[in-house]
Amino acid sequence: LKQHSKYSGEELSYMDPTTNEKYIPYCVEPSVGADRIALAFLVDAYNEEELEGGDSRVVLKLHPALSPIKAAVLPLSKKLSDNALKLHEKLSKKFTVEFDETGSIGKRYRRQDE
């Protein structure tokens, strides 16, 4: 308001009737939008993992409250698929859960990291 008062020639100060002090009020206007919040979440979740052989990979580790998928059911063998499906059905009632029985367990873990 000081700058506005200076260039407009208008008196924008306030007189406090209790203390008889004159001051120029101010306000803090934080700029918060979806883009800034999303950027903050992404920056916080960005991680680089070191792999065997000196390689590294970028992994997005969202806070559990922000993660779209809360759990994954990955049966170790086809024999366990029936029990795993039952577990998936129970978990799906309260959470977003994925079920995956294709490929090796390592590849399934890796897909969940994506």
PDB file of N, CA and C in Angstrom:
ATOM      1  N   LEU A   1       0.811  -1.200   0.000  1.00  0.00           N
ATOM      2  CA  LEU A   1       0.000   0.000   0.000  1.00  0.00           C
ATOM      3  C   LEU A   1       0.854   1.263   0.000  1.00  0.00           C
ATOM      4  N   LYS A   2       2.086   1.161   0.516  1.00  0.00           N
ATOM      5  CA  LYS A   2       2.954   2.338   0.532  1.00  0.00           C
ATOM      6  C   LYS A   2       3.196   2.836  -0.882  1.00  0.00           C
ATOM      7  N   GLN A   3       3.503   1.914  -1.777  1.00  0.00           N
ATOM      8  CA  GLN A   3       3.778   2.305  -3.158  1.00  0.00           C
ATOM      9  C   GLN A   3       2.532   2.868  -3.828  1.00  0.00           C
ATOM     10  N   HIS A   4       1.405   2.237  -3.575  1.00  0.00           N
ATOM     11  CA  HIS A   4       0.157   2.726  -4.157  1.00  0.00           C
ATOM     12  C   HIS A   4      -0.142   4.136  -3.652  1.00  0.00           C
ATOM     13  N   SER A   5       0.040   4.337  -2.372  1.00  0.00           N
ATOM     14  CA  SER A   5      -0.191   5.653  -1.775  1.00  0.00           C
ATOM     15  C   SER A   5       0.757   6.683  -2.365  1.00  0.00           C
ATOM     16  N   LYS A   6       2.004   6.287  -2.552  1.00  0.00           N
ATOM     17  CA  LYS A   6       3.023   7.199  -3.083  1.00  0.00           C
ATOM     18  C   LYS A   6       2.666   7.663  -4.494  1.00  0.00           C
ATOM     19  N   TYR A   7       2.270   6.750  -5.358  1.00  0.00           N
ATOM     20  CA  TYR A   7       2.022   7.102  -6.756  1.00  0.00           C
ATOM     21  C   TYR A   7       0.606   7.610  -7.020  1.00  0.00           C
ATOM     22  N   SER A   8      -0.341   7.258  -6.168  1.00  0.00           N
ATOM     23  CA  SER A   8      -1.710   7.744  -6.380  1.00  0.00           C
ATOM     24  C   SER A   8      -1.960   9.054  -5.650  1.00  0.00           C
ATOM     25  N   GLY A   9      -1.105   9.342  -4.676  1.00  0.00           N
ATOM     26  CA  GLY A   9      -1.306  10.559  -3.899  1.00  0.00           C
ATOM     27  C   GLY A   9      -2.416  10.424  -2.875  1.00  0.00           C
ATOM     28  N   GLU A  10      -2.938   9.227  -2.707  1.00  0.00           N
ATOM     29  CA  GLU A  10      -4.016   8.984  -1.752  1.00  0.00           C
ATOM     30  C   GLU A  10      -3.445   8.552  -0.410  1.00  0.00           C
ATOM     31  N   GLU A  11      -4.018   9.039   0.652  1.00  0.00           N
ATOM     32  CA  GLU A  11      -3.593   8.654   1.999  1.00  0.00           C
ATOM     33  C   GLU A  11      -4.252   7.322   2.350  1.00  0.00           C
ATOM     34  N   LEU A  12      -3.442   6.297   2.543  1.00  0.00           N
ATOM     35  CA  LEU A  12      -3.977   4.963   2.823  1.00  0.00           C
ATOM     36  C   LEU A  12      -3.602   4.462   4.214  1.00  0.00           C
ATOM     37  N   SER A  13      -3.075   5.333   5.047  1.00  0.00           N
ATOM     38  CA  SER A  13      -2.702   4.911   6.394  1.00  0.00           C
ATOM     39  C   SER A  13      -3.946   4.800   7.271  1.00  0.00           C
ATOM     40  N   TYR A  14      -3.785   4.121   8.373  1.00  0.00           N
ATOM     41  CA  TYR A  14      -4.889   3.855   9.295  1.00  0.00           C
ATOM     42  C   TYR A  14      -4.512   4.380  10.670  1.00  0.00           C
ATOM     43  N   MET A  15      -5.456   4.996  11.335  1.00  0.00           N
ATOM     44  CA  MET A  15      -5.233   5.509  12.687  1.00  0.00           C
ATOM     45  C   MET A  15      -5.910   4.563  13.664  1.00  0.00           C
ATOM     46  N   ASP A  16      -5.110   3.956  14.531  1.00  0.00           N
ATOM     47  CA  ASP A  16      -5.640   3.059  15.552  1.00  0.00           C
ATOM     48  C   ASP A  16      -6.233   3.913  16.669  1.00  0.00           C
ATOM     49  N   PRO A  17      -7.556   3.843  16.881  1.00  0.00           N
ATOM     50  CA  PRO A  17      -8.188   4.702  17.879  1.00  0.00           C
ATOM     51  C   PRO A  17      -7.772   4.370  19.318  1.00  0.00           C
ATOM     52  N   THR A  18      -7.325   3.169  19.553  1.00  0.00           N
ATOM     53  CA  THR A  18      -6.924   2.778  20.907  1.00  0.00           C
ATOM     54  C   THR A  18      -5.554   3.351  21.275  1.00  0.00           C
ATOM     55  N   THR A  19      -4.605   3.210  20.366  1.00  0.00           N
ATOM     56  CA  THR A  19      -3.232   3.651  20.660  1.00  0.00           C
ATOM     57  C   THR A  19      -2.888   4.993  20.032  1.00  0.00           C
ATOM     58  N   ASN A  20      -3.780   5.511  19.199  1.00  0.00           N
ATOM     59  CA  ASN A  20      -3.535   6.748  18.444  1.00  0.00           C
ATOM     60  C   ASN A  20      -2.274   6.662  17.588  1.00  0.00           C
ATOM     61  N   GLU A  21      -1.970   5.464  17.136  1.00  0.00           N
ATOM     62  CA  GLU A  21      -0.830   5.281  16.237  1.00  0.00           C
ATOM     63  C   GLU A  21      -1.336   5.213  14.805  1.00  0.00           C
ATOM     64  N   LYS A  22      -0.542   5.758  13.915  1.00  0.00           N
ATOM     65  CA  LYS A  22      -0.880   5.771  12.495  1.00  0.00           C
ATOM     66  C   LYS A  22       0.058   4.785  11.785  1.00  0.00           C
ATOM     67  N   TYR A  23      -0.525   3.910  11.002  1.00  0.00           N
ATOM     68  CA  TYR A  23       0.309   2.972  10.254  1.00  0.00           C
ATOM     69  C   TYR A  23      -0.388   2.597   8.959  1.00  0.00           C
ATOM     70  N   ILE A  24       0.407   2.041   8.057  1.00  0.00           N
ATOM     71  CA  ILE A  24      -0.134   1.574   6.779  1.00  0.00           C
ATOM     72  C   ILE A  24      -0.365   0.070   6.912  1.00  0.00           C
ATOM     73  N   PRO A  25      -1.601  -0.371   6.755  1.00  0.00           N
ATOM     74  CA  PRO A  25      -1.884  -1.806   6.870  1.00  0.00           C
ATOM     75  C   PRO A  25      -1.266  -2.574   5.699  1.00  0.00           C
ATOM     76  N   TYR A  26      -1.040  -3.827   5.920  1.00  0.00           N
ATOM     77  CA  TYR A  26      -0.518  -4.676   4.857  1.00  0.00           C
ATOM     78  C   TYR A  26      -1.213  -6.024   4.931  1.00  0.00           C
ATOM     79  N   CYS A  27      -1.127  -6.730   3.860  1.00  0.00           N
ATOM     80  CA  CYS A  27      -1.672  -8.082   3.842  1.00  0.00           C
ATOM     81  C   CYS A  27      -0.697  -8.970   3.086  1.00  0.00           C
ATOM     82  N   VAL A  28      -0.676 -10.211   3.452  1.00  0.00           N
ATOM     83  CA  VAL A  28       0.158 -11.194   2.780  1.00  0.00           C
ATOM     84  C   VAL A  28      -0.757 -11.967   1.843  1.00  0.00           C
ATOM     85  N   GLU A  29      -0.393 -11.985   0.592  1.00  0.00           N
ATOM     86  CA  GLU A  29      -1.201 -12.684  -0.400  1.00  0.00           C
ATOM     87  C   GLU A  29      -0.392 -13.834  -0.973  1.00  0.00           C
ATOM     88  N   PRO A  30      -0.417 -14.972  -0.320  1.00  0.00           N
ATOM     89  CA  PRO A  30       0.343 -16.095  -0.868  1.00  0.00           C
ATOM     90  C   PRO A  30      -0.315 -16.587  -2.151  1.00  0.00           C
ATOM     91  N   SER A  31       0.497 -16.912  -3.095  1.00  0.00           N
ATOM     92  CA  SER A  31      -0.015 -17.422  -4.356  1.00  0.00           C
ATOM     93  C   SER A  31       0.042 -18.941  -4.302  1.00  0.00           C
ATOM     94  N   VAL A  32      -1.107 -19.555  -4.169  1.00  0.00           N
ATOM     95  CA  VAL A  32      -1.160 -21.011  -4.107  1.00  0.00           C
ATOM     96  C   VAL A  32      -2.119 -21.487  -5.187  1.00  0.00           C
ATOM     97  N   GLY A  33      -1.589 -22.286  -6.067  1.00  0.00           N
ATOM     98  CA  GLY A  33      -2.411 -22.860  -7.120  1.00  0.00           C
ATOM     99  C   GLY A  33      -2.127 -24.340  -7.228  1.00  0.00           C
ATOM    100  N   ALA A  34      -2.918 -25.014  -8.005  1.00  0.00           N
ATOM    101  CA  ALA A  34      -2.751 -26.461  -8.164  1.00  0.00           C
ATOM    102  C   ALA A  34      -1.385 -26.795  -8.749  1.00  0.00           C
ATOM    103  N   ASP A  35      -0.885 -25.939  -9.650  1.00  0.00           N
ATOM    104  CA  ASP A  35       0.406 -26.230 -10.263  1.00  0.00           C
ATOM    105  C   ASP A  35       1.544 -26.173  -9.250  1.00  0.00           C
ATOM    106  N   ARG A  36       1.518 -25.218  -8.344  1.00  0.00           N
ATOM    107  CA  ARG A  36       2.580 -25.113  -7.336  1.00  0.00           C
ATOM    108  C   ARG A  36       2.506 -26.257  -6.332  1.00  0.00           C
ATOM    109  N   ILE A  37       1.306 -26.637  -5.968  1.00  0.00           N
ATOM    110  CA  ILE A  37       1.146 -27.750  -5.033  1.00  0.00           C
ATOM    111  C   ILE A  37       1.614 -29.050  -5.688  1.00  0.00           C
ATOM    112  N   ALA A  38       1.224 -29.257  -6.938  1.00  0.00           N
ATOM    113  CA  ALA A  38       1.642 -30.465  -7.649  1.00  0.00           C
ATOM    114  C   ALA A  38       3.162 -30.509  -7.775  1.00  0.00           C
ATOM    115  N   LEU A  39       3.778 -29.369  -8.079  1.00  0.00           N
ATOM    116  CA  LEU A  39       5.236 -29.326  -8.176  1.00  0.00           C
ATOM    117  C   LEU A  39       5.878 -29.672  -6.836  1.00  0.00           C
ATOM    118  N   ALA A  40       5.335 -29.162  -5.751  1.00  0.00           N
ATOM    119  CA  ALA A  40       5.876 -29.470  -4.423  1.00  0.00           C
ATOM    120  C   ALA A  40       5.789 -30.969  -4.136  1.00  0.00           C
ATOM    121  N   PHE A  41       4.674 -31.602  -4.491  1.00  0.00           N
ATOM    122  CA  PHE A  41       4.523 -33.042  -4.279  1.00  0.00           C
ATOM    123  C   PHE A  41       5.532 -33.821  -5.123  1.00  0.00           C
ATOM    124  N   LEU A  42       5.700 -33.399  -6.385  1.00  0.00           N
ATOM    125  CA  LEU A  42       6.616 -34.104  -7.277  1.00  0.00           C
ATOM    126  C   LEU A  42       8.071 -33.949  -6.840  1.00  0.00           C
ATOM    127  N   VAL A  43       8.449 -32.750  -6.434  1.00  0.00           N
ATOM    128  CA  VAL A  43       9.821 -32.529  -5.971  1.00  0.00           C
ATOM    129  C   VAL A  43      10.088 -33.357  -4.719  1.00  0.00           C
ATOM    130  N   ASP A  44       9.117 -33.408  -3.825  1.00  0.00           N
ATOM    131  CA  ASP A  44       9.273 -34.189  -2.598  1.00  0.00           C
ATOM    132  C   ASP A  44       9.379 -35.685  -2.896  1.00  0.00           C
ATOM    133  N   ALA A  45       8.682 -36.156  -3.915  1.00  0.00           N
ATOM    134  CA  ALA A  45       8.620 -37.585  -4.217  1.00  0.00           C
ATOM    135  C   ALA A  45       9.755 -38.069  -5.120  1.00  0.00           C
ATOM    136  N   TYR A  46      10.513 -37.156  -5.715  1.00  0.00           N
ATOM    137  CA  TYR A  46      11.579 -37.527  -6.651  1.00  0.00           C
ATOM    138  C   TYR A  46      12.730 -38.203  -5.911  1.00  0.00           C
ATOM    139  N   ASN A  47      13.089 -39.401  -6.359  1.00  0.00           N
ATOM    140  CA  ASN A  47      14.212 -40.132  -5.764  1.00  0.00           C
ATOM    141  C   ASN A  47      15.012 -40.809  -6.859  1.00  0.00           C
ATOM    142  N   GLU A  48      16.293 -40.908  -6.636  1.00  0.00           N
ATOM    143  CA  GLU A  48      17.153 -41.675  -7.529  1.00  0.00           C
ATOM    144  C   GLU A  48      17.695 -42.858  -6.740  1.00  0.00           C
ATOM    145  N   GLU A  49      17.492 -44.043  -7.277  1.00  0.00           N
ATOM    146  CA  GLU A  49      17.966 -45.258  -6.620  1.00  0.00           C
ATOM    147  C   GLU A  49      19.193 -45.781  -7.350  1.00  0.00           C
ATOM    148  N   GLU A  50      20.168 -46.197  -6.577  1.00  0.00           N
ATOM    149  CA  GLU A  50      21.371 -46.807  -7.145  1.00  0.00           C
ATOM    150  C   GLU A  50      21.103 -48.294  -7.353  1.00  0.00           C
ATOM    151  N   LEU A  51      21.397 -48.776  -8.547  1.00  0.00           N
ATOM    152  CA  LEU A  51      21.209 -50.182  -8.873  1.00  0.00           C
ATOM    153  C   LEU A  51      22.554 -50.895  -8.883  1.00  0.00           C
ATOM    154  N   GLU A  52      22.496 -52.205  -8.901  1.00  0.00           N
ATOM    155  CA  GLU A  52      23.734 -52.982  -9.006  1.00  0.00           C
ATOM    156  C   GLU A  52      24.403 -52.655 -10.329  1.00  0.00           C
ATOM    157  N   GLY A  53      25.704 -52.622 -10.326  1.00  0.00           N
ATOM    158  CA  GLY A  53      26.429 -52.321 -11.554  1.00  0.00           C
ATOM    159  C   GLY A  53      26.655 -50.833 -11.750  1.00  0.00           C
ATOM    160  N   GLY A  54      26.293 -50.027 -10.770  1.00  0.00           N
ATOM    161  CA  GLY A  54      26.544 -48.589 -10.858  1.00  0.00           C
ATOM    162  C   GLY A  54      25.470 -47.793 -11.566  1.00  0.00           C
ATOM    163  N   ASP A  55      24.461 -48.464 -12.098  1.00  0.00           N
ATOM    164  CA  ASP A  55      23.373 -47.735 -12.759  1.00  0.00           C
ATOM    165  C   ASP A  55      22.452 -47.115 -11.715  1.00  0.00           C
ATOM    166  N   SER A  56      21.650 -46.179 -12.167  1.00  0.00           N
ATOM    167  CA  SER A  56      20.654 -45.584 -11.273  1.00  0.00           C
ATOM    168  C   SER A  56      19.348 -45.429 -12.032  1.00  0.00           C
ATOM    169  N   ARG A  57      18.289 -45.277 -11.292  1.00  0.00           N
ATOM    170  CA  ARG A  57      16.979 -45.061 -11.907  1.00  0.00           C
ATOM    171  C   ARG A  57      16.223 -44.031 -11.082  1.00  0.00           C
ATOM    172  N   VAL A  58      15.321 -43.346 -11.750  1.00  0.00           N
ATOM    173  CA  VAL A  58      14.492 -42.344 -11.090  1.00  0.00           C
ATOM    174  C   VAL A  58      13.199 -43.016 -10.654  1.00  0.00           C
ATOM    175  N   VAL A  59      12.836 -42.804  -9.396  1.00  0.00           N
ATOM    176  CA  VAL A  59      11.628 -43.404  -8.839  1.00  0.00           C
ATOM    177  C   VAL A  59      10.791 -42.308  -8.196  1.00  0.00           C
ATOM    178  N   LEU A  60       9.512 -42.346  -8.440  1.00  0.00           N
ATOM    179  CA  LEU A  60       8.581 -41.411  -7.822  1.00  0.00           C
ATOM    180  C   LEU A  60       8.010 -42.080  -6.577  1.00  0.00           C
ATOM    181  N   LYS A  61       8.404 -41.595  -5.412  1.00  0.00           N
ATOM    182  CA  LYS A  61       7.928 -42.173  -4.154  1.00  0.00           C
ATOM    183  C   LYS A  61       6.957 -41.197  -3.514  1.00  0.00           C
ATOM    184  N   LEU A  62       5.709 -41.280  -3.943  1.00  0.00           N
ATOM    185  CA  LEU A  62       4.682 -40.404  -3.386  1.00  0.00           C
ATOM    186  C   LEU A  62       4.388 -40.770  -1.939  1.00  0.00           C
ATOM    187  N   HIS A  63       4.009 -39.791  -1.181  1.00  0.00           N
ATOM    188  CA  HIS A  63       3.545 -40.044   0.186  1.00  0.00           C
ATOM    189  C   HIS A  63       2.346 -40.988   0.076  1.00  0.00           C
ATOM    190  N   PRO A  64       2.218 -41.955   0.971  1.00  0.00           N
ATOM    191  CA  PRO A  64       1.107 -42.917   0.867  1.00  0.00           C
ATOM    192  C   PRO A  64      -0.275 -42.274   0.729  1.00  0.00           C
ATOM    193  N   ALA A  65      -0.473 -41.121   1.325  1.00  0.00           N
ATOM    194  CA  ALA A  65      -1.780 -40.462   1.217  1.00  0.00           C
ATOM    195  C   ALA A  65      -2.048 -39.982  -0.206  1.00  0.00           C
ATOM    196  N   LEU A  66      -0.999 -39.753  -0.988  1.00  0.00           N
ATOM    197  CA  LEU A  66      -1.156 -39.259  -2.361  1.00  0.00           C
ATOM    198  C   LEU A  66      -1.089 -40.366  -3.402  1.00  0.00           C
ATOM    199  N   SER A  67      -0.599 -41.511  -3.014  1.00  0.00           N
ATOM    200  CA  SER A  67      -0.409 -42.597  -3.957  1.00  0.00           C
ATOM    201  C   SER A  67      -1.750 -43.116  -4.466  1.00  0.00           C
ATOM    202  N   PRO A  68      -1.919 -43.205  -5.779  1.00  0.00           N
ATOM    203  CA  PRO A  68      -3.206 -43.679  -6.309  1.00  0.00           C
ATOM    204  C   PRO A  68      -3.456 -45.159  -6.032  1.00  0.00           C
ATOM    205  N   ILE A  69      -2.397 -45.951  -5.963  1.00  0.00           N
ATOM    206  CA  ILE A  69      -2.528 -47.383  -5.697  1.00  0.00           C
ATOM    207  C   ILE A  69      -1.912 -47.659  -4.336  1.00  0.00           C
ATOM    208  N   LYS A  70      -2.708 -48.204  -3.435  1.00  0.00           N
ATOM    209  CA  LYS A  70      -2.257 -48.407  -2.057  1.00  0.00           C
ATOM    210  C   LYS A  70      -1.527 -49.732  -1.850  1.00  0.00           C
ATOM    211  N   ALA A  71      -1.872 -50.750  -2.647  1.00  0.00           N
ATOM    212  CA  ALA A  71      -1.247 -52.060  -2.470  1.00  0.00           C
ATOM    213  C   ALA A  71      -1.319 -52.842  -3.770  1.00  0.00           C
ATOM    214  N   ALA A  72      -0.484 -53.865  -3.855  1.00  0.00           N
ATOM    215  CA  ALA A  72      -0.512 -54.778  -4.992  1.00  0.00           C
ATOM    216  C   ALA A  72      -0.432 -56.198  -4.452  1.00  0.00           C
ATOM    217  N   VAL A  73      -1.239 -57.060  -5.016  1.00  0.00           N
ATOM    218  CA  VAL A  73      -1.211 -58.474  -4.650  1.00  0.00           C
ATOM    219  C   VAL A  73      -0.524 -59.200  -5.796  1.00  0.00           C
ATOM    220  N   LEU A  74       0.620 -59.827  -5.480  1.00  0.00           N
ATOM    221  CA  LEU A  74       1.449 -60.480  -6.491  1.00  0.00           C
ATOM    222  C   LEU A  74       1.738 -61.912  -6.047  1.00  0.00           C
ATOM    223  N   PRO A  75       0.905 -62.876  -6.436  1.00  0.00           N
ATOM    224  CA  PRO A  75       1.140 -64.253  -5.995  1.00  0.00           C
ATOM    225  C   PRO A  75       2.465 -64.789  -6.550  1.00  0.00           C
ATOM    226  N   LEU A  76       3.174 -65.543  -5.719  1.00  0.00           N
ATOM    227  CA  LEU A  76       4.477 -66.069  -6.129  1.00  0.00           C
ATOM    228  C   LEU A  76       4.358 -67.215  -7.126  1.00  0.00           C
ATOM    229  N   SER A  77       3.229 -67.924  -7.111  1.00  0.00           N
ATOM    230  CA  SER A  77       3.036 -69.025  -8.057  1.00  0.00           C
ATOM    231  C   SER A  77       1.560 -69.105  -8.444  1.00  0.00           C
ATOM    232  N   LYS A  78       1.294 -69.837  -9.523  1.00  0.00           N
ATOM    233  CA  LYS A  78      -0.090 -70.008  -9.995  1.00  0.00           C
ATOM    234  C   LYS A  78      -0.940 -70.736  -8.950  1.00  0.00           C
ATOM    235  N   LYS A  79      -0.308 -71.589  -8.137  1.00  0.00           N
ATOM    236  CA  LYS A  79      -1.034 -72.329  -7.106  1.00  0.00           C
ATOM    237  C   LYS A  79      -1.652 -71.389  -6.072  1.00  0.00           C
ATOM    238  N   LEU A  80      -1.019 -70.253  -5.872  1.00  0.00           N
ATOM    239  CA  LEU A  80      -1.481 -69.303  -4.856  1.00  0.00           C
ATOM    240  C   LEU A  80      -2.461 -68.262  -5.405  1.00  0.00           C
ATOM    241  N   SER A  81      -2.787 -68.360  -6.683  1.00  0.00           N
ATOM    242  CA  SER A  81      -3.637 -67.346  -7.314  1.00  0.00           C
ATOM    243  C   SER A  81      -5.024 -67.246  -6.692  1.00  0.00           C
ATOM    244  N   ASP A  82      -5.633 -68.384  -6.344  1.00  0.00           N
ATOM    245  CA  ASP A  82      -6.983 -68.342  -5.765  1.00  0.00           C
ATOM    246  C   ASP A  82      -6.999 -67.584  -4.440  1.00  0.00           C
ATOM    247  N   ASN A  83      -6.067 -67.908  -3.563  1.00  0.00           N
ATOM    248  CA  ASN A  83      -5.989 -67.202  -2.279  1.00  0.00           C
ATOM    249  C   ASN A  83      -5.629 -65.731  -2.483  1.00  0.00           C
ATOM    250  N   ALA A  84      -4.749 -65.485  -3.438  1.00  0.00           N
ATOM    251  CA  ALA A  84      -4.349 -64.103  -3.716  1.00  0.00           C
ATOM    252  C   ALA A  84      -5.535 -63.294  -4.241  1.00  0.00           C
ATOM    253  N   LEU A  85      -6.373 -63.909  -5.068  1.00  0.00           N
ATOM    254  CA  LEU A  85      -7.566 -63.213  -5.578  1.00  0.00           C
ATOM    255  C   LEU A  85      -8.539 -62.888  -4.446  1.00  0.00           C
ATOM    256  N   LYS A  86      -8.693 -63.827  -3.507  1.00  0.00           N
ATOM    257  CA  LYS A  86      -9.566 -63.567  -2.355  1.00  0.00           C
ATOM    258  C   LYS A  86      -9.038 -62.392  -1.535  1.00  0.00           C
ATOM    259  N   LEU A  87      -7.729 -62.382  -1.326  1.00  0.00           N
ATOM    260  CA  LEU A  87      -7.106 -61.272  -0.595  1.00  0.00           C
ATOM    261  C   LEU A  87      -7.308 -59.959  -1.349  1.00  0.00           C
ATOM    262  N   HIS A  88      -7.135 -60.015  -2.660  1.00  0.00           N
ATOM    263  CA  HIS A  88      -7.331 -58.822  -3.496  1.00  0.00           C
ATOM    264  C   HIS A  88      -8.757 -58.290  -3.371  1.00  0.00           C
ATOM    265  N   GLU A  89      -9.734 -59.194  -3.400  1.00  0.00           N
ATOM    266  CA  GLU A  89     -11.139 -58.782  -3.266  1.00  0.00           C
ATOM    267  C   GLU A  89     -11.397 -58.106  -1.926  1.00  0.00           C
ATOM    268  N   LYS A  90     -10.836 -58.654  -0.849  1.00  0.00           N
ATOM    269  CA  LYS A  90     -11.029 -58.058   0.477  1.00  0.00           C
ATOM    270  C   LYS A  90     -10.381 -56.677   0.561  1.00  0.00           C
ATOM    271  N   LEU A  91      -9.161 -56.578   0.075  1.00  0.00           N
ATOM    272  CA  LEU A  91      -8.456 -55.294   0.133  1.00  0.00           C
ATOM    273  C   LEU A  91      -9.115 -54.242  -0.753  1.00  0.00           C
ATOM    274  N   SER A  92      -9.663 -54.689  -1.889  1.00  0.00           N
ATOM    275  CA  SER A  92     -10.276 -53.759  -2.846  1.00  0.00           C
ATOM    276  C   SER A  92     -11.507 -53.056  -2.295  1.00  0.00           C
ATOM    277  N   LYS A  93     -12.097 -53.609  -1.251  1.00  0.00           N
ATOM    278  CA  LYS A  93     -13.275 -52.973  -0.657  1.00  0.00           C
ATOM    279  C   LYS A  93     -12.920 -51.655   0.022  1.00  0.00           C
ATOM    280  N   LYS A  94     -11.674 -51.531   0.490  1.00  0.00           N
ATOM    281  CA  LYS A  94     -11.278 -50.319   1.211  1.00  0.00           C
ATOM    282  C   LYS A  94     -10.159 -49.537   0.535  1.00  0.00           C
ATOM    283  N   PHE A  95      -9.413 -50.174  -0.367  1.00  0.00           N
ATOM    284  CA  PHE A  95      -8.250 -49.537  -0.972  1.00  0.00           C
ATOM    285  C   PHE A  95      -8.234 -49.760  -2.478  1.00  0.00           C
ATOM    286  N   THR A  96      -7.433 -48.964  -3.169  1.00  0.00           N
ATOM    287  CA  THR A  96      -7.172 -49.202  -4.580  1.00  0.00           C
ATOM    288  C   THR A  96      -6.020 -50.194  -4.647  1.00  0.00           C
ATOM    289  N   VAL A  97      -6.310 -51.381  -5.158  1.00  0.00           N
ATOM    290  CA  VAL A  97      -5.340 -52.474  -5.134  1.00  0.00           C
ATOM    291  C   VAL A  97      -5.211 -53.057  -6.534  1.00  0.00           C
ATOM    292  N   GLU A  98      -3.995 -53.404  -6.916  1.00  0.00           N
ATOM    293  CA  GLU A  98      -3.763 -54.063  -8.195  1.00  0.00           C
ATOM    294  C   GLU A  98      -3.463 -55.535  -7.969  1.00  0.00           C
ATOM    295  N   PHE A  99      -3.846 -56.343  -8.937  1.00  0.00           N
ATOM    296  CA  PHE A  99      -3.549 -57.774  -8.908  1.00  0.00           C
ATOM    297  C   PHE A  99      -2.745 -58.083 -10.155  1.00  0.00           C
ATOM    298  N   ASP A 100      -1.631 -58.779  -9.998  1.00  0.00           N
ATOM    299  CA  ASP A 100      -0.778 -59.091 -11.154  1.00  0.00           C
ATOM    300  C   ASP A 100      -0.156 -60.460 -10.941  1.00  0.00           C
ATOM    301  N   GLU A 101      -0.387 -61.356 -11.900  1.00  0.00           N
ATOM    302  CA  GLU A 101       0.210 -62.688 -11.813  1.00  0.00           C
ATOM    303  C   GLU A 101       0.988 -63.034 -13.077  1.00  0.00           C
ATOM    304  N   THR A 102       1.250 -62.033 -13.926  1.00  0.00           N
ATOM    305  CA  THR A 102       1.949 -62.289 -15.183  1.00  0.00           C
ATOM    306  C   THR A 102       3.436 -61.983 -15.047  1.00  0.00           C
ATOM    307  N   GLY A 103       4.261 -62.832 -15.640  1.00  0.00           N
ATOM    308  CA  GLY A 103       5.703 -62.608 -15.636  1.00  0.00           C
ATOM    309  C   GLY A 103       6.348 -62.993 -14.319  1.00  0.00           C
ATOM    310  N   SER A 104       7.642 -62.758 -14.243  1.00  0.00           N
ATOM    311  CA  SER A 104       8.388 -63.104 -13.026  1.00  0.00           C
ATOM    312  C   SER A 104       8.051 -62.121 -11.910  1.00  0.00           C
ATOM    313  N   ILE A 105       8.292 -62.549 -10.683  1.00  0.00           N
ATOM    314  CA  ILE A 105       7.975 -61.702  -9.531  1.00  0.00           C
ATOM    315  C   ILE A 105       8.807 -60.417  -9.561  1.00  0.00           C
ATOM    316  N   GLY A 106      10.042 -60.516 -10.018  1.00  0.00           N
ATOM    317  CA  GLY A 106      10.893 -59.325 -10.118  1.00  0.00           C
ATOM    318  C   GLY A 106      10.314 -58.291 -11.070  1.00  0.00           C
ATOM    319  N   LYS A 107       9.805 -58.770 -12.211  1.00  0.00           N
ATOM    320  CA  LYS A 107       9.201 -57.851 -13.186  1.00  0.00           C
ATOM    321  C   LYS A 107       7.916 -57.249 -12.639  1.00  0.00           C
ATOM    322  N   ARG A 108       7.169 -58.027 -11.871  1.00  0.00           N
ATOM    323  CA  ARG A 108       5.936 -57.502 -11.277  1.00  0.00           C
ATOM    324  C   ARG A 108       6.249 -56.437 -10.235  1.00  0.00           C
ATOM    325  N   TYR A 109       7.291 -56.679  -9.425  1.00  0.00           N
ATOM    326  CA  TYR A 109       7.725 -55.645  -8.472  1.00  0.00           C
ATOM    327  C   TYR A 109       8.111 -54.374  -9.224  1.00  0.00           C
ATOM    328  N   ARG A 110       8.854 -54.562 -10.286  1.00  0.00           N
ATOM    329  CA  ARG A 110       9.347 -53.418 -11.071  1.00  0.00           C
ATOM    330  C   ARG A 110       8.175 -52.624 -11.659  1.00  0.00           C
ATOM    331  N   ARG A 111       7.157 -53.328 -12.152  1.00  0.00           N
ATOM    332  CA  ARG A 111       5.981 -52.634 -12.707  1.00  0.00           C
ATOM    333  C   ARG A 111       5.278 -51.810 -11.637  1.00  0.00           C
ATOM    334  N   GLN A 112       5.284 -52.293 -10.414  1.00  0.00           N
ATOM    335  CA  GLN A 112       4.649 -51.540  -9.331  1.00  0.00           C
ATOM    336  C   GLN A 112       5.438 -50.281  -8.986  1.00  0.00           C
ATOM    337  N   ASP A 113       6.725 -50.278  -9.292  1.00  0.00           N
ATOM    338  CA  ASP A 113       7.546 -49.089  -9.056  1.00  0.00           C
ATOM    339  C   ASP A 113       7.287 -48.001 -10.089  1.00  0.00           C
ATOM    340  N   GLU A 114       6.658 -48.345 -11.199  1.00  0.00           N
ATOM    341  CA  GLU A 114       6.426 -47.355 -12.259  1.00  0.00           C
ATOM    342  C   GLU A 114       5.384 -46.353 -11.847  1.00  0.00           C
TER     343      GLU A 114
END
